[in-house]
Amino acid sequence: MIVLNSHDFFEHQYQKVVQGLNYIYEDPDQEIVHDFRVDLKKMRSVFFLMEKVSGEKKIKAMHHQIRDIFRKAGHIREMQMEIEWLARHRKFDLIRHMQYYSKLKKSDKSFIRDIPEILHTFRNIHRKMNQSMLSLTQEQSNNYVKETWQQILRVVIQVNEESDWHPTRKKIKQLLYLRNWVPKVALSSRPVRNIFKSLSNLEQLIGHWHDLEILSTKLNKFDNDISGHIILSRELQMAKGKINMERENLSMLIHKAFKELTGIIKAYR
């Protein structure tokens, strides 16, 4: 892993985000959209840092702009993943009935149409952010990393309810991305490496679980809509049953992951 300081990391992610937008403009492929959103999330981790240490209103305003772009790309990514899940389980009638392909095509066109404006927005953000980061000291960055590390570890060992899983996942991702500008020596001990490994595993499990939660909610809305359609009703019930099974399996793995991580954190402390 190449460790950068926070300013270099922001510059690196800015270039990757711009490249990702150009790729999407050519082809809004599922993996391309996924990579773009990951790069955007990594860029946002620097905004969390700057919001904390600078308190500048313009930082928060720029972060809101990025969040809106992230959500638009997320809408596309969400549909792509749901189509993939339904197709993998051969629920093609549901895909057609829910008009997934036409909705995805419409969202793709809308996002691609907005890319020139999005690029202009990012260029302005890049210029303003570089100016703001000139006043950022290494000590401020290090203190933010330490505070975030301690906060996230406290949060993780206190999680009890499923409603806390997704908010906790978002916090975990912030911590995972901070590794890009933390000195390697700070990450070299085995306990720290084990914590990050467990956090990464937990984050992925919760991500899969959350995706199924969203799809389940959408499918539940179609119960009344397809009443009287025998084939569609059967496909819907089979899909919902499969989702429930996968969610239950993931829930068990998540509970286990939380328990194991809590043990590692307590031993580390």
Protein backbone atom coordinates (compact mmCIF):
# COMPACT_ATOMS: atom_id res chain seq x y z
CA MET A 1 0.00 0.00 0.00
CA ILE A 2 1.33 3.44 -0.98
CA VAL A 3 0.89 5.83 1.93
CA LEU A 4 0.30 9.47 0.97
CA ASN A 5 -0.35 12.56 3.03
CA SER A 6 -3.92 13.83 3.01
CA HIS A 7 -3.24 16.51 0.38
CA ASP A 8 -1.53 14.09 -2.00
CA PHE A 9 -4.30 11.59 -1.41
CA PHE A 10 -6.95 14.17 -2.30
CA GLU A 11 -5.07 15.01 -5.50
CA HIS A 12 -4.73 11.31 -6.36
CA GLN A 13 -8.44 10.69 -5.84
CA TYR A 14 -9.42 13.79 -7.79
CA GLN A 15 -7.54 12.51 -10.83
CA LYS A 16 -9.14 9.07 -10.48
CA VAL A 17 -12.64 10.57 -10.15
CA VAL A 18 -12.16 12.66 -13.30
CA GLN A 19 -10.86 9.59 -15.12
CA GLY A 20 -13.86 7.59 -13.89
CA LEU A 21 -16.30 10.19 -15.21
CA ASN A 22 -14.64 10.03 -18.61
CA TYR A 23 -14.94 6.23 -18.57
CA ILE A 24 -18.63 6.43 -17.63
CA TYR A 25 -19.19 8.91 -20.45
CA GLU A 26 -17.93 6.25 -22.85
CA ASP A 27 -19.61 3.26 -21.18
CA PRO A 28 -21.62 3.24 -17.90
CA ASP A 29 -20.53 -0.34 -17.17
CA GLN A 30 -21.38 -1.76 -13.74
CA GLU A 31 -17.77 -2.10 -12.59
CA ILE A 32 -16.86 1.35 -13.92
CA VAL A 33 -19.70 2.94 -11.93
CA HIS A 34 -18.67 0.93 -8.87
CA ASP A 35 -15.03 2.04 -9.14
CA PHE A 36 -16.13 5.65 -9.61
CA ARG A 37 -18.21 5.56 -6.44
CA VAL A 38 -15.39 3.97 -4.45
CA ASP A 39 -12.99 6.68 -5.61
CA LEU A 40 -15.57 9.32 -4.74
CA LYS A 41 -16.02 7.85 -1.26
CA LYS A 42 -12.27 7.96 -0.75
CA MET A 43 -12.25 11.60 -1.81
CA ARG A 44 -15.06 12.33 0.65
CA SER A 45 -12.89 11.00 3.48
CA VAL A 46 -10.67 14.06 3.00
CA PHE A 47 -13.72 16.31 3.24
CA PHE A 48 -14.63 14.76 6.60
CA LEU A 49 -11.11 15.65 7.73
CA MET A 50 -11.32 19.23 6.47
CA GLU A 51 -14.80 19.79 7.91
CA LYS A 52 -13.45 18.76 11.30
CA VAL A 53 -10.26 20.81 11.36
CA SER A 54 -11.18 23.92 9.35
CA GLY A 55 -14.83 24.58 10.14
CA GLU A 56 -15.14 26.45 6.84
CA LYS A 57 -18.69 26.65 5.50
CA LYS A 58 -17.42 26.35 1.92
CA ILE A 59 -15.94 22.93 2.72
CA LYS A 60 -19.32 21.69 3.88
CA ALA A 61 -21.01 23.19 0.80
CA MET A 62 -18.56 21.45 -1.53
CA HIS A 63 -19.03 18.20 0.36
CA HIS A 64 -22.78 18.47 -0.20
CA GLN A 65 -22.18 18.84 -3.94
CA ILE A 66 -20.04 15.71 -3.98
CA ARG A 67 -22.58 13.80 -1.91
CA ASP A 68 -25.34 14.64 -4.43
CA ILE A 69 -23.20 13.37 -7.32
CA PHE A 70 -22.38 10.25 -5.29
CA ARG A 71 -26.08 9.56 -4.75
CA LYS A 72 -26.90 9.95 -8.45
CA ALA A 73 -24.23 7.42 -9.35
CA GLY A 74 -25.46 5.27 -6.46
CA HIS A 75 -28.94 5.12 -7.98
CA ILE A 76 -27.44 3.62 -11.14
CA ARG A 77 -25.23 1.22 -9.20
CA GLU A 78 -28.20 0.11 -7.10
CA MET A 79 -30.28 -0.81 -10.15
CA GLN A 80 -27.34 -2.61 -11.76
CA MET A 81 -26.83 -4.76 -8.66
CA GLU A 82 -30.54 -5.54 -8.33
CA ILE A 83 -30.76 -6.59 -11.97
CA GLU A 84 -27.70 -8.79 -11.45
CA TRP A 85 -29.23 -10.46 -8.37
CA LEU A 86 -32.62 -11.06 -10.03
CA ALA A 87 -30.99 -12.37 -13.23
CA ARG A 88 -28.71 -14.68 -11.23
CA HIS A 89 -31.82 -16.19 -9.65
CA ARG A 90 -33.61 -16.30 -13.03
CA LYS A 91 -36.35 -13.82 -12.07
CA PHE A 92 -36.54 -12.34 -15.56
CA ASP A 93 -40.29 -11.73 -15.47
CA LEU A 94 -39.83 -9.57 -12.39
CA ILE A 95 -37.06 -7.62 -14.11
CA ARG A 96 -39.35 -6.92 -17.05
CA HIS A 97 -42.37 -6.10 -14.89
CA MET A 98 -40.36 -3.68 -12.73
CA GLN A 99 -39.06 -2.06 -15.94
CA TYR A 100 -35.50 -2.24 -14.70
CA TYR A 101 -33.80 -2.01 -18.08
CA SER A 102 -35.72 1.03 -19.28
CA LYS A 103 -35.26 2.79 -15.93
CA LEU A 104 -31.54 2.02 -15.93
CA LYS A 105 -31.18 3.28 -19.48
CA LYS A 106 -32.96 6.49 -18.55
CA SER A 107 -30.74 7.01 -15.48
CA ASP A 108 -27.60 6.29 -17.52
CA LYS A 109 -28.57 8.89 -20.12
CA SER A 110 -29.41 11.45 -17.44
CA PHE A 111 -26.08 10.98 -15.64
CA ILE A 112 -24.04 11.01 -18.86
CA ARG A 113 -25.82 14.19 -19.96
CA ASP A 114 -24.77 15.83 -16.68
CA ILE A 115 -21.10 14.75 -16.84
CA PRO A 116 -19.76 17.99 -18.47
CA GLU A 117 -21.41 20.00 -15.68
CA ILE A 118 -20.16 17.51 -13.05
CA LEU A 119 -16.61 17.86 -14.37
CA HIS A 120 -16.90 21.63 -14.15
CA THR A 121 -18.10 21.28 -10.55
CA PHE A 122 -15.16 19.04 -9.68
CA ARG A 123 -12.65 21.44 -11.22
CA ASN A 124 -13.99 24.24 -9.02
CA ILE A 125 -13.97 21.99 -5.96
CA HIS A 126 -10.42 20.91 -6.73
CA ARG A 127 -9.19 24.50 -6.92
CA LYS A 128 -10.97 25.63 -3.73
CA MET A 129 -10.01 22.52 -1.79
CA ASN A 130 -6.34 22.93 -2.68
CA GLN A 131 -6.46 26.47 -1.32
CA SER A 132 -8.11 25.35 1.92
CA MET A 133 -5.69 22.48 2.44
CA LEU A 134 -2.69 24.83 2.37
CA SER A 135 -3.44 25.66 6.01
CA LEU A 136 -3.77 22.01 7.05
CA THR A 137 -0.91 20.83 9.24
CA GLN A 138 0.35 17.29 9.62
CA GLU A 139 -0.43 17.52 13.32
CA GLN A 140 -4.10 18.32 12.59
CA SER A 141 -4.28 15.41 10.19
CA ASN A 142 -2.65 13.02 12.68
CA ASN A 143 -4.95 14.15 15.50
CA TYR A 144 -8.00 13.62 13.29
CA VAL A 145 -6.85 10.10 12.46
CA LYS A 146 -6.32 9.28 16.14
CA GLU A 147 -9.73 10.69 17.14
CA THR A 148 -11.48 8.83 14.33
CA TRP A 149 -9.71 5.59 15.24
CA GLN A 150 -10.79 5.86 18.88
CA GLN A 151 -14.33 6.93 18.00
CA ILE A 152 -14.95 4.10 15.54
CA LEU A 153 -13.60 1.45 17.90
CA ARG A 154 -15.93 2.75 20.64
CA VAL A 155 -18.87 2.69 18.24
CA VAL A 156 -18.17 -0.86 17.02
CA ILE A 157 -18.17 -2.45 20.48
CA GLN A 158 -21.45 -0.71 21.38
CA VAL A 159 -23.51 -1.83 18.36
CA ASN A 160 -26.52 -3.95 19.38
CA GLU A 161 -29.32 -3.36 16.87
CA GLU A 162 -29.54 -4.09 13.15
CA SER A 163 -30.65 -0.48 12.64
CA ASP A 164 -27.13 0.54 13.70
CA TRP A 165 -25.36 -1.65 11.14
CA HIS A 166 -25.47 0.60 8.08
CA PRO A 167 -24.53 3.85 9.93
CA THR A 168 -21.68 1.93 11.57
CA ARG A 169 -20.56 0.65 8.18
CA LYS A 170 -20.27 4.22 6.88
CA LYS A 171 -18.09 5.14 9.85
CA ILE A 172 -15.93 2.08 9.34
CA LYS A 173 -15.33 3.05 5.71
CA GLN A 174 -14.09 6.46 6.82
CA LEU A 175 -11.52 4.77 9.03
CA LEU A 176 -10.48 2.31 6.33
CA TYR A 177 -9.81 5.13 3.87
CA LEU A 178 -7.69 7.05 6.37
CA ARG A 179 -5.04 4.36 6.07
CA ASN A 180 -3.93 6.00 2.84
CA TRP A 181 -2.29 8.89 4.65
CA VAL A 182 -1.21 7.22 7.91
CA PRO A 183 2.52 6.44 8.27
CA LYS A 184 3.20 2.75 7.64
CA VAL A 185 4.83 2.35 11.04
CA ALA A 186 1.51 3.20 12.72
CA LEU A 187 -0.12 0.25 10.95
CA SER A 188 2.68 -2.27 11.34
CA SER A 189 1.68 -3.93 14.63
CA ARG A 190 -0.22 -7.20 14.40
CA PRO A 191 -3.16 -6.05 16.61
CA VAL A 192 -3.73 -2.99 14.41
CA ARG A 193 -3.50 -5.06 11.23
CA ASN A 194 -5.99 -7.57 12.69
CA ILE A 195 -8.42 -4.80 13.59
CA PHE A 196 -8.31 -3.33 10.09
CA LYS A 197 -8.72 -6.79 8.54
CA SER A 198 -11.77 -7.48 10.73
CA LEU A 199 -13.22 -4.03 10.02
CA SER A 200 -12.87 -4.61 6.28
CA ASN A 201 -14.60 -7.99 6.51
CA LEU A 202 -17.43 -6.56 8.62
CA GLU A 203 -17.91 -3.62 6.25
CA GLN A 204 -18.31 -5.94 3.26
CA LEU A 205 -20.77 -8.21 5.05
CA ILE A 206 -22.94 -5.28 6.10
CA GLY A 207 -22.75 -3.91 2.55
CA HIS A 208 -24.17 -7.14 1.07
CA TRP A 209 -26.83 -7.26 3.79
CA HIS A 210 -27.84 -3.64 3.14
CA ASP A 211 -28.14 -4.22 -0.62
CA LEU A 212 -30.58 -7.06 0.06
CA GLU A 213 -32.53 -4.85 2.48
CA ILE A 214 -33.06 -2.28 -0.26
CA LEU A 215 -34.10 -4.90 -2.84
CA SER A 216 -36.45 -6.53 -0.32
CA THR A 217 -38.16 -3.20 0.34
CA LYS A 218 -38.69 -2.64 -3.39
CA LEU A 219 -40.10 -6.13 -3.94
CA ASN A 220 -42.52 -5.75 -1.03
CA LYS A 221 -44.09 -2.77 -2.78
CA PHE A 222 -45.13 -5.01 -5.71
CA ASP A 223 -47.34 -7.40 -3.74
CA ASN A 224 -50.57 -5.53 -4.53
CA ASP A 225 -49.42 -4.49 -7.99
CA ILE A 226 -49.19 -8.05 -9.29
CA SER A 227 -52.20 -9.58 -7.54
CA GLY A 228 -53.88 -11.96 -9.98
CA HIS A 229 -50.67 -12.60 -11.94
CA ILE A 230 -49.92 -16.18 -10.97
CA ILE A 231 -46.46 -16.47 -12.53
CA LEU A 232 -45.29 -13.07 -11.30
CA SER A 233 -46.68 -13.71 -7.82
CA ARG A 234 -44.83 -17.02 -7.64
CA GLU A 235 -41.58 -15.43 -8.85
CA LEU A 236 -41.98 -12.62 -6.35
CA GLN A 237 -42.54 -14.96 -3.41
CA MET A 238 -39.60 -17.13 -4.44
CA ALA A 239 -37.37 -14.07 -4.76
CA LYS A 240 -38.45 -12.73 -1.36
CA GLY A 241 -37.86 -16.14 0.20
CA LYS A 242 -34.37 -16.33 -1.27
CA ILE A 243 -33.57 -12.82 -0.07
CA ASN A 244 -34.75 -13.66 3.45
CA MET A 245 -32.51 -16.74 3.51
CA GLU A 246 -29.49 -14.78 2.33
CA ARG A 247 -30.19 -12.00 4.81
CA GLU A 248 -30.48 -14.46 7.68
CA ASN A 249 -27.17 -16.07 6.73
CA LEU A 250 -25.52 -12.66 6.46
CA SER A 251 -27.03 -11.60 9.80
CA MET A 252 -25.43 -14.57 11.51
CA LEU A 253 -22.07 -13.79 9.90
CA ILE A 254 -22.36 -10.12 10.89
CA HIS A 255 -23.18 -10.94 14.51
CA LYS A 256 -20.20 -13.29 14.56
CA ALA A 257 -17.95 -10.65 12.96
CA PHE A 258 -19.00 -8.03 15.52
CA LYS A 259 -18.30 -10.44 18.35
CA GLU A 260 -14.86 -11.37 17.01
CA LEU A 261 -13.96 -7.74 16.32
CA THR A 262 -15.06 -6.68 19.80
CA GLY A 263 -12.77 -9.33 21.27
CA ILE A 264 -9.83 -8.12 19.18
CA ILE A 265 -10.46 -4.48 20.14
CA LYS A 266 -10.71 -5.25 23.86
CA ALA A 267 -7.51 -7.29 23.72
CA TYR A 268 -5.80 -4.42 21.86
CA ARG A 269 -6.83 -1.93 24.52
